[in-house]
């Protein structure tokens, strides 16, 4: 279970990041469920990309590892939500 904890943290923080980005960027808002789903996807992707760059967690659950998971997930979630919102907005015009 401990090896999955960073991923779980990234997915949850991605959902939070997606919803936060939706509130900060109301023109790109996808609604709570849309923001959460795109945020979860972005959280997993963001954490994976940071891990590939050597900036994410190494599987350790020390404070730096937890903060890395939260930051990677939150930023990734917000970015993916904004991209999906921009594409949806552009397609509806």
PDB file of N, CA and C in Angstrom:
ATOM      1  N   UNK A   1       0.831  -1.200   0.000  1.00  0.00           N
ATOM      2  CA  UNK A   1       0.000   0.000   0.000  1.00  0.00           C
ATOM      3  C   UNK A   1       0.869   1.255   0.000  1.00  0.00           C
ATOM      4  N   UNK A   2       2.026   1.189   0.656  1.00  0.00           N
ATOM      5  CA  UNK A   2       2.869   2.377   0.774  1.00  0.00           C
ATOM      6  C   UNK A   2       3.387   2.855  -0.578  1.00  0.00           C
ATOM      7  N   UNK A   3       3.570   1.936  -1.526  1.00  0.00           N
ATOM      8  CA  UNK A   3       4.061   2.349  -2.837  1.00  0.00           C
ATOM      9  C   UNK A   3       3.003   3.102  -3.642  1.00  0.00           C
ATOM     10  N   UNK A   4       1.727   2.940  -3.272  1.00  0.00           N
ATOM     11  CA  UNK A   4       0.655   3.638  -3.978  1.00  0.00           C
ATOM     12  C   UNK A   4       0.307   4.982  -3.345  1.00  0.00           C
ATOM     13  N   UNK A   5       0.801   5.241  -2.163  1.00  0.00           N
ATOM     14  CA  UNK A   5       0.453   6.470  -1.460  1.00  0.00           C
ATOM     15  C   UNK A   5       0.833   7.744  -2.230  1.00  0.00           C
ATOM     16  N   UNK A   6       2.026   7.838  -2.847  1.00  0.00           N
ATOM     17  CA  UNK A   6       2.314   9.050  -3.627  1.00  0.00           C
ATOM     18  C   UNK A   6       1.327   9.257  -4.777  1.00  0.00           C
ATOM     19  N   UNK A   7       0.937   8.176  -5.445  1.00  0.00           N
ATOM     20  CA  UNK A   7      -0.033   8.289  -6.543  1.00  0.00           C
ATOM     21  C   UNK A   7      -1.383   8.752  -6.028  1.00  0.00           C
ATOM     22  N   UNK A   8      -1.817   8.210  -4.912  1.00  0.00           N
ATOM     23  CA  UNK A   8      -3.108   8.618  -4.334  1.00  0.00           C
ATOM     24  C   UNK A   8      -3.068  10.100  -3.972  1.00  0.00           C
ATOM     25  N   UNK A   9      -1.969  10.539  -3.375  1.00  0.00           N
ATOM     26  CA  UNK A   9      -1.821  11.958  -3.018  1.00  0.00           C
ATOM     27  C   UNK A   9      -1.852  12.820  -4.279  1.00  0.00           C
ATOM     28  N   UNK A  10      -1.176  12.382  -5.345  1.00  0.00           N
ATOM     29  CA  UNK A  10      -1.162  13.141  -6.602  1.00  0.00           C
ATOM     30  C   UNK A  10      -2.553  13.238  -7.205  1.00  0.00           C
ATOM     31  N   UNK A  11      -3.315  12.162  -7.171  1.00  0.00           N
ATOM     32  CA  UNK A  11      -4.661  12.171  -7.749  1.00  0.00           C
ATOM     33  C   UNK A  11      -5.596  13.084  -6.964  1.00  0.00           C
ATOM     34  N   UNK A  12      -5.516  13.011  -5.644  1.00  0.00           N
ATOM     35  CA  UNK A  12      -6.372  13.875  -4.810  1.00  0.00           C
ATOM     36  C   UNK A  12      -5.977  15.339  -4.982  1.00  0.00           C
ATOM     37  N   UNK A  13      -4.685  15.627  -4.952  1.00  0.00           N
ATOM     38  CA  UNK A  13      -4.259  17.025  -5.115  1.00  0.00           C
ATOM     39  C   UNK A  13      -4.529  17.504  -6.540  1.00  0.00           C
ATOM     40  N   UNK A  14      -4.535  16.591  -7.509  1.00  0.00           N
ATOM     41  CA  UNK A  14      -4.916  16.964  -8.871  1.00  0.00           C
ATOM     42  C   UNK A  14      -6.372  17.396  -8.949  1.00  0.00           C
ATOM     43  N   UNK A  15      -7.243  16.670  -8.268  1.00  0.00           N
ATOM     44  CA  UNK A  15      -8.660  17.048  -8.230  1.00  0.00           C
ATOM     45  C   UNK A  15      -8.833  18.414  -7.569  1.00  0.00           C
ATOM     46  N   UNK A  16      -8.111  18.639  -6.481  1.00  0.00           N
ATOM     47  CA  UNK A  16      -8.170  19.946  -5.807  1.00  0.00           C
ATOM     48  C   UNK A  16      -7.620  21.036  -6.723  1.00  0.00           C
ATOM     49  N   UNK A  17      -6.491  20.754  -7.381  1.00  0.00           N
ATOM     50  CA  UNK A  17      -5.900  21.731  -8.301  1.00  0.00           C
ATOM     51  C   UNK A  17      -6.812  22.046  -9.478  1.00  0.00           C
ATOM     52  N   UNK A  18      -7.486  21.036 -10.007  1.00  0.00           N
ATOM     53  CA  UNK A  18      -8.428  21.256 -11.105  1.00  0.00           C
ATOM     54  C   UNK A  18      -9.590  22.135 -10.684  1.00  0.00           C
ATOM     55  N   UNK A  19     -10.131  21.889  -9.497  1.00  0.00           N
ATOM     56  CA  UNK A  19     -11.243  22.712  -9.008  1.00  0.00           C
ATOM     57  C   UNK A  19     -10.794  24.121  -8.662  1.00  0.00           C
ATOM     58  N   UNK A  20      -9.589  24.251  -8.122  1.00  0.00           N
ATOM     59  CA  UNK A  20      -9.056  25.582  -7.819  1.00  0.00           C
ATOM     60  C   UNK A  20      -8.848  26.378  -9.109  1.00  0.00           C
ATOM     61  N   UNK A  21      -8.305  25.718 -10.125  1.00  0.00           N
ATOM     62  CA  UNK A  21      -8.119  26.398 -11.410  1.00  0.00           C
ATOM     63  C   UNK A  21      -9.461  26.788 -12.017  1.00  0.00           C
ATOM     64  N   UNK A  22     -10.471  25.946 -11.840  1.00  0.00           N
ATOM     65  CA  UNK A  22     -11.805  26.274 -12.336  1.00  0.00           C
ATOM     66  C   UNK A  22     -12.382  27.510 -11.672  1.00  0.00           C
ATOM     67  N   UNK A  23     -12.105  27.676 -10.391  1.00  0.00           N
ATOM     68  CA  UNK A  23     -12.584  28.868  -9.669  1.00  0.00           C
ATOM     69  C   UNK A  23     -11.797  30.115 -10.069  1.00  0.00           C
ATOM     70  N   UNK A  24     -10.491  29.935 -10.307  1.00  0.00           N
ATOM     71  CA  UNK A  24      -9.656  31.078 -10.679  1.00  0.00           C
ATOM     72  C   UNK A  24      -9.845  31.483 -12.145  1.00  0.00           C
ATOM     73  N   UNK A  25     -10.241  30.543 -12.984  1.00  0.00           N
ATOM     74  CA  UNK A  25     -10.436  30.794 -14.410  1.00  0.00           C
ATOM     75  C   UNK A  25     -11.870  30.445 -14.798  1.00  0.00           C
ATOM     76  N   UNK A  26     -12.827  31.294 -14.433  1.00  0.00           N
ATOM     77  CA  UNK A  26     -14.240  30.934 -14.639  1.00  0.00           C
ATOM     78  C   UNK A  26     -14.620  30.717 -16.109  1.00  0.00           C
ATOM     79  N   UNK A  27     -13.907  31.309 -17.048  1.00  0.00           N
ATOM     80  CA  UNK A  27     -14.234  31.091 -18.462  1.00  0.00           C
ATOM     81  C   UNK A  27     -13.849  29.691 -18.919  1.00  0.00           C
ATOM     82  N   UNK A  28     -12.948  29.043 -18.195  1.00  0.00           N
ATOM     83  CA  UNK A  28     -12.501  27.698 -18.547  1.00  0.00           C
ATOM     84  C   UNK A  28     -13.104  26.631 -17.643  1.00  0.00           C
ATOM     85  N   UNK A  29     -13.980  27.046 -16.723  1.00  0.00           N
ATOM     86  CA  UNK A  29     -14.562  26.135 -15.740  1.00  0.00           C
ATOM     87  C   UNK A  29     -15.372  25.041 -16.427  1.00  0.00           C
ATOM     88  N   UNK A  30     -15.181  23.798 -15.981  1.00  0.00           N
ATOM     89  CA  UNK A  30     -15.889  22.644 -16.537  1.00  0.00           C
ATOM     90  C   UNK A  30     -16.961  22.121 -15.583  1.00  0.00           C
ATOM     91  N   UNK A  31     -17.188  22.816 -14.496  1.00  0.00           N
ATOM     92  CA  UNK A  31     -18.086  22.316 -13.459  1.00  0.00           C
ATOM     93  C   UNK A  31     -17.292  21.456 -12.487  1.00  0.00           C
ATOM     94  N   UNK A  32     -17.865  21.182 -11.346  1.00  0.00           N
ATOM     95  CA  UNK A  32     -17.132  20.468 -10.303  1.00  0.00           C
ATOM     96  C   UNK A  32     -16.675  19.087 -10.754  1.00  0.00           C
ATOM     97  N   UNK A  33     -17.554  18.341 -11.387  1.00  0.00           N
ATOM     98  CA  UNK A  33     -17.189  16.987 -11.811  1.00  0.00           C
ATOM     99  C   UNK A  33     -16.164  17.036 -12.937  1.00  0.00           C
ATOM    100  N   UNK A  34     -16.360  17.900 -13.916  1.00  0.00           N
ATOM    101  CA  UNK A  34     -15.399  18.034 -15.016  1.00  0.00           C
ATOM    102  C   UNK A  34     -14.039  18.497 -14.535  1.00  0.00           C
ATOM    103  N   UNK A  35     -14.033  19.469 -13.628  1.00  0.00           N
ATOM    104  CA  UNK A  35     -12.769  19.944 -13.057  1.00  0.00           C
ATOM    105  C   UNK A  35     -12.070  18.829 -12.286  1.00  0.00           C
ATOM    106  N   UNK A  36     -12.845  18.054 -11.529  1.00  0.00           N
ATOM    107  CA  UNK A  36     -12.263  16.974 -10.732  1.00  0.00           C
ATOM    108  C   UNK A  36     -11.681  15.881 -11.619  1.00  0.00           C
ATOM    109  N   UNK A  37     -12.427  15.465 -12.641  1.00  0.00           N
ATOM    110  CA  UNK A  37     -11.952  14.391 -13.519  1.00  0.00           C
ATOM    111  C   UNK A  37     -10.698  14.829 -14.275  1.00  0.00           C
ATOM    112  N   UNK A  38     -10.733  16.020 -14.867  1.00  0.00           N
ATOM    113  CA  UNK A  38      -9.545  16.477 -15.585  1.00  0.00           C
ATOM    114  C   UNK A  38      -8.388  16.728 -14.613  1.00  0.00           C
ATOM    115  N   UNK A  39      -8.698  17.172 -13.409  1.00  0.00           N
ATOM    116  CA  UNK A  39      -7.669  17.370 -12.397  1.00  0.00           C
ATOM    117  C   UNK A  39      -7.031  16.065 -11.954  1.00  0.00           C
ATOM    118  N   UNK A  40      -7.846  15.023 -11.798  1.00  0.00           N
ATOM    119  CA  UNK A  40      -7.310  13.708 -11.422  1.00  0.00           C
ATOM    120  C   UNK A  40      -6.374  13.197 -12.506  1.00  0.00           C
ATOM    121  N   UNK A  41      -6.802  13.307 -13.759  1.00  0.00           N
ATOM    122  CA  UNK A  41      -5.939  12.884 -14.868  1.00  0.00           C
ATOM    123  C   UNK A  41      -4.650  13.702 -14.897  1.00  0.00           C
ATOM    124  N   UNK A  42      -4.784  15.000 -14.734  1.00  0.00           N
ATOM    125  CA  UNK A  42      -3.613  15.875 -14.722  1.00  0.00           C
ATOM    126  C   UNK A  42      -2.715  15.638 -13.526  1.00  0.00           C
ATOM    127  N   UNK A  43      -3.309  15.295 -12.393  1.00  0.00           N
ATOM    128  CA  UNK A  43      -2.522  15.000 -11.207  1.00  0.00           C
ATOM    129  C   UNK A  43      -1.635  13.775 -11.398  1.00  0.00           C
ATOM    130  N   UNK A  44      -2.215  12.745 -11.960  1.00  0.00           N
ATOM    131  CA  UNK A  44      -1.422  11.550 -12.252  1.00  0.00           C
ATOM    132  C   UNK A  44      -0.356  11.817 -13.284  1.00  0.00           C
ATOM    133  N   UNK A  45      -0.717  12.558 -14.324  1.00  0.00           N
ATOM    134  CA  UNK A  45       0.235  12.881 -15.383  1.00  0.00           C
ATOM    135  C   UNK A  45       1.339  13.800 -14.860  1.00  0.00           C
ATOM    136  N   UNK A  46       0.959  14.814 -14.089  1.00  0.00           N
ATOM    137  CA  UNK A  46       1.949  15.751 -13.543  1.00  0.00           C
ATOM    138  C   UNK A  46       2.931  15.068 -12.619  1.00  0.00           C
ATOM    139  N   UNK A  47       2.429  14.192 -11.756  1.00  0.00           N
ATOM    140  CA  UNK A  47       3.317  13.463 -10.863  1.00  0.00           C
ATOM    141  C   UNK A  47       4.254  12.538 -11.619  1.00  0.00           C
ATOM    142  N   UNK A  48       3.745  11.896 -12.659  1.00  0.00           N
ATOM    143  CA  UNK A  48       4.573  11.007 -13.473  1.00  0.00           C
ATOM    144  C   UNK A  48       5.660  11.785 -14.204  1.00  0.00           C
ATOM    145  N   UNK A  49       5.286  12.929 -14.780  1.00  0.00           N
ATOM    146  CA  UNK A  49       6.277  13.737 -15.494  1.00  0.00           C
ATOM    147  C   UNK A  49       7.359  14.260 -14.566  1.00  0.00           C
ATOM    148  N   UNK A  50       6.960  14.697 -13.381  1.00  0.00           N
ATOM    149  CA  UNK A  50       7.965  15.168 -12.414  1.00  0.00           C
ATOM    150  C   UNK A  50       8.888  14.026 -12.003  1.00  0.00           C
ATOM    151  N   UNK A  51       8.330  12.837 -11.863  1.00  0.00           N
ATOM    152  CA  UNK A  51       9.157  11.684 -11.525  1.00  0.00           C
ATOM    153  C   UNK A  51      10.151  11.361 -12.620  1.00  0.00           C
ATOM    154  N   UNK A  52       9.724  11.489 -13.879  1.00  0.00           N
ATOM    155  CA  UNK A  52      10.621  11.235 -15.012  1.00  0.00           C
ATOM    156  C   UNK A  52      11.748  12.259 -15.070  1.00  0.00           C
ATOM    157  N   UNK A  53      11.452  13.480 -14.651  1.00  0.00           N
ATOM    158  CA  UNK A  53      12.465  14.530 -14.646  1.00  0.00           C
ATOM    159  C   UNK A  53      13.347  14.474 -13.406  1.00  0.00           C
ATOM    160  N   UNK A  54      13.037  13.574 -12.511  1.00  0.00           N
ATOM    161  CA  UNK A  54      13.816  13.457 -11.283  1.00  0.00           C
ATOM    162  C   UNK A  54      13.427  14.470 -10.229  1.00  0.00           C
ATOM    163  N   UNK A  55      12.296  15.142 -10.421  1.00  0.00           N
ATOM    164  CA  UNK A  55      11.872  16.169  -9.471  1.00  0.00           C
ATOM    165  C   UNK A  55      10.760  15.683  -8.554  1.00  0.00           C
ATOM    166  N   UNK A  56      10.223  14.527  -8.837  1.00  0.00           N
ATOM    167  CA  UNK A  56       9.111  14.016  -8.041  1.00  0.00           C
ATOM    168  C   UNK A  56       9.599  13.179  -6.883  1.00  0.00           C
ATOM    169  N   UNK A  57       8.721  12.329  -6.431  1.00  0.00           N
ATOM    170  CA  UNK A  57       9.063  11.483  -5.299  1.00  0.00           C
ATOM    171  C   UNK A  57       9.830  10.267  -5.772  1.00  0.00           C
ATOM    172  N   UNK A  58      10.613   9.718  -4.881  1.00  0.00           N
ATOM    173  CA  UNK A  58      11.312   8.470  -5.167  1.00  0.00           C
ATOM    174  C   UNK A  58      10.623   7.311  -4.451  1.00  0.00           C
ATOM    175  N   UNK A  59       9.361   7.517  -4.118  1.00  0.00           N
ATOM    176  CA  UNK A  59       8.612   6.498  -3.402  1.00  0.00           C
ATOM    177  C   UNK A  59       8.662   6.676  -1.899  1.00  0.00           C
ATOM    178  N   UNK A  60       9.515   7.578  -1.430  1.00  0.00           N
ATOM    179  CA  UNK A  60       9.621   7.820  -0.004  1.00  0.00           C
ATOM    180  C   UNK A  60       8.483   8.683   0.496  1.00  0.00           C
ATOM    181  N   UNK A  61       8.108   8.485   1.737  1.00  0.00           N
ATOM    182  CA  UNK A  61       7.002   9.259   2.282  1.00  0.00           C
ATOM    183  C   UNK A  61       7.498  10.198   3.361  1.00  0.00           C
ATOM    184  N   UNK A  62       8.653  10.819   3.095  1.00  0.00           N
ATOM    185  CA  UNK A  62       9.110  11.866   3.991  1.00  0.00           C
ATOM    186  C   UNK A  62       8.411  13.159   3.595  1.00  0.00           C
ATOM    187  N   UNK A  63       8.687  14.229   4.296  1.00  0.00           N
ATOM    188  CA  UNK A  63       7.999  15.497   4.035  1.00  0.00           C
ATOM    189  C   UNK A  63       8.240  15.991   2.609  1.00  0.00           C
ATOM    190  N   UNK A  64       9.453  15.869   2.124  1.00  0.00           N
ATOM    191  CA  UNK A  64       9.758  16.316   0.759  1.00  0.00           C
ATOM    192  C   UNK A  64       8.992  15.487  -0.272  1.00  0.00           C
ATOM    193  N   UNK A  65       8.875  14.199  -0.035  1.00  0.00           N
ATOM    194  CA  UNK A  65       8.136  13.340  -0.950  1.00  0.00           C
ATOM    195  C   UNK A  65       6.653  13.680  -0.994  1.00  0.00           C
ATOM    196  N   UNK A  66       6.084  13.931   0.168  1.00  0.00           N
ATOM    197  CA  UNK A  66       4.666  14.291   0.230  1.00  0.00           C
ATOM    198  C   UNK A  66       4.433  15.636  -0.447  1.00  0.00           C
ATOM    199  N   UNK A  67       5.279  16.618  -0.142  1.00  0.00           N
ATOM    200  CA  UNK A  67       5.127  17.940  -0.766  1.00  0.00           C
ATOM    201  C   UNK A  67       5.322  17.869  -2.276  1.00  0.00           C
ATOM    202  N   UNK A  68       6.245  17.027  -2.734  1.00  0.00           N
ATOM    203  CA  UNK A  68       6.444  16.839  -4.170  1.00  0.00           C
ATOM    204  C   UNK A  68       5.216  16.249  -4.838  1.00  0.00           C
ATOM    205  N   UNK A  69       4.596  15.286  -4.183  1.00  0.00           N
ATOM    206  CA  UNK A  69       3.380  14.676  -4.717  1.00  0.00           C
ATOM    207  C   UNK A  69       2.236  15.678  -4.782  1.00  0.00           C
ATOM    208  N   UNK A  70       2.085  16.469  -3.729  1.00  0.00           N
ATOM    209  CA  UNK A  70       1.014  17.469  -3.686  1.00  0.00           C
ATOM    210  C   UNK A  70       1.244  18.536  -4.759  1.00  0.00           C
ATOM    211  N   UNK A  71       2.475  19.018  -4.864  1.00  0.00           N
ATOM    212  CA  UNK A  71       2.771  20.062  -5.856  1.00  0.00           C
ATOM    213  C   UNK A  71       2.608  19.538  -7.272  1.00  0.00           C
ATOM    214  N   UNK A  72       3.163  18.378  -7.558  1.00  0.00           N
ATOM    215  CA  UNK A  72       3.051  17.812  -8.902  1.00  0.00           C
ATOM    216  C   UNK A  72       1.618  17.526  -9.289  1.00  0.00           C
ATOM    217  N   UNK A  73       0.875  16.964  -8.365  1.00  0.00           N
ATOM    218  CA  UNK A  73      -0.526  16.667  -8.638  1.00  0.00           C
ATOM    219  C   UNK A  73      -1.368  17.919  -8.801  1.00  0.00           C
ATOM    220  N   UNK A  74      -1.193  18.874  -7.912  1.00  0.00           N
ATOM    221  CA  UNK A  74      -1.988  20.110  -7.978  1.00  0.00           C
ATOM    222  C   UNK A  74      -1.719  20.915  -9.223  1.00  0.00           C
ATOM    223  N   UNK A  75      -0.453  21.088  -9.552  1.00  0.00           N
ATOM    224  CA  UNK A  75      -0.104  21.858 -10.753  1.00  0.00           C
ATOM    225  C   UNK A  75      -0.548  21.119 -12.005  1.00  0.00           C
ATOM    226  N   UNK A  76      -0.276  19.815 -12.055  1.00  0.00           N
ATOM    227  CA  UNK A  76      -0.697  19.027 -13.213  1.00  0.00           C
ATOM    228  C   UNK A  76      -2.203  19.058 -13.400  1.00  0.00           C
ATOM    229  N   UNK A  77      -2.940  18.941 -12.307  1.00  0.00           N
ATOM    230  CA  UNK A  77      -4.402  18.997 -12.373  1.00  0.00           C
ATOM    231  C   UNK A  77      -4.911  20.330 -12.873  1.00  0.00           C
ATOM    232  N   UNK A  78      -4.332  21.403 -12.371  1.00  0.00           N
ATOM    233  CA  UNK A  78      -4.741  22.739 -12.818  1.00  0.00           C
ATOM    234  C   UNK A  78      -4.426  22.992 -14.278  1.00  0.00           C
ATOM    235  N   UNK A  79      -3.263  22.537 -14.718  1.00  0.00           N
ATOM    236  CA  UNK A  79      -2.854  22.751 -16.114  1.00  0.00           C
ATOM    237  C   UNK A  79      -3.747  21.964 -17.068  1.00  0.00           C
ATOM    238  N   UNK A  80      -3.980  20.685 -16.770  1.00  0.00           N
ATOM    239  CA  UNK A  80      -4.826  19.874 -17.655  1.00  0.00           C
ATOM    240  C   UNK A  80      -6.250  20.410 -17.675  1.00  0.00           C
ATOM    241  N   UNK A  81      -6.777  20.827 -16.526  1.00  0.00           N
ATOM    242  CA  UNK A  81      -8.128  21.390 -16.491  1.00  0.00           C
ATOM    243  C   UNK A  81      -8.200  22.639 -17.351  1.00  0.00           C
ATOM    244  N   UNK A  82      -7.192  23.499 -17.287  1.00  0.00           N
ATOM    245  CA  UNK A  82      -7.185  24.723 -18.088  1.00  0.00           C
ATOM    246  C   UNK A  82      -7.096  24.399 -19.579  1.00  0.00           C
ATOM    247  N   UNK A  83      -6.294  23.408 -19.935  1.00  0.00           N
ATOM    248  CA  UNK A  83      -6.175  23.020 -21.347  1.00  0.00           C
ATOM    249  C   UNK A  83      -7.492  22.456 -21.857  1.00  0.00           C
ATOM    250  N   UNK A  84      -8.105  21.553 -21.089  1.00  0.00           N
ATOM    251  CA  UNK A  84      -9.384  20.977 -21.509  1.00  0.00           C
ATOM    252  C   UNK A  84     -10.448  22.072 -21.588  1.00  0.00           C
ATOM    253  N   UNK A  85     -10.474  22.985 -20.621  1.00  0.00           N
ATOM    254  CA  UNK A  85     -11.435  24.085 -20.653  1.00  0.00           C
ATOM    255  C   UNK A  85     -11.239  24.997 -21.843  1.00  0.00           C
ATOM    256  N   UNK A  86      -9.982  25.267 -22.202  1.00  0.00           N
ATOM    257  CA  UNK A  86      -9.710  26.120 -23.360  1.00  0.00           C
ATOM    258  C   UNK A  86     -10.135  25.439 -24.655  1.00  0.00           C
ATOM    259  N   UNK A  87      -9.867  24.140 -24.760  1.00  0.00           N
ATOM    260  CA  UNK A  87     -10.273  23.407 -25.965  1.00  0.00           C
ATOM    261  C   UNK A  87     -11.794  23.372 -26.067  1.00  0.00           C
ATOM    262  N   UNK A  88     -12.477  23.104 -24.954  1.00  0.00           N
ATOM    263  CA  UNK A  88     -13.939  23.083 -24.956  1.00  0.00           C
ATOM    264  C   UNK A  88     -14.507  24.445 -25.326  1.00  0.00           C
ATOM    265  N   UNK A  89     -13.908  25.500 -24.782  1.00  0.00           N
ATOM    266  CA  UNK A  89     -14.361  26.851 -25.083  1.00  0.00           C
ATOM    267  C   UNK A  89     -14.159  27.184 -26.558  1.00  0.00           C
ATOM    268  N   UNK A  90     -13.024  26.782 -27.127  1.00  0.00           N
ATOM    269  CA  UNK A  90     -12.737  27.056 -28.525  1.00  0.00           C
ATOM    270  C   UNK A  90     -13.665  26.270 -29.450  1.00  0.00           C
ATOM    271  N   UNK A  91     -14.026  25.064 -29.050  1.00  0.00           N
ATOM    272  CA  UNK A  91     -14.891  24.230 -29.890  1.00  0.00           C
ATOM    273  C   UNK A  91     -16.336  24.703 -29.856  1.00  0.00           C
ATOM    274  N   UNK A  92     -16.731  25.385 -28.801  1.00  0.00           N
ATOM    275  CA  UNK A  92     -18.124  25.829 -28.694  1.00  0.00           C
ATOM    276  C   UNK A  92     -18.389  27.149 -29.431  1.00  0.00           C
ATOM    277  N   UNK A  93     -17.341  27.748 -29.984  1.00  0.00           N
ATOM    278  CA  UNK A  93     -17.513  29.016 -30.701  1.00  0.00           C
ATOM    279  C   UNK A  93     -17.846  28.785 -32.148  1.00  0.00           C
TER     280      UNK A  93
END
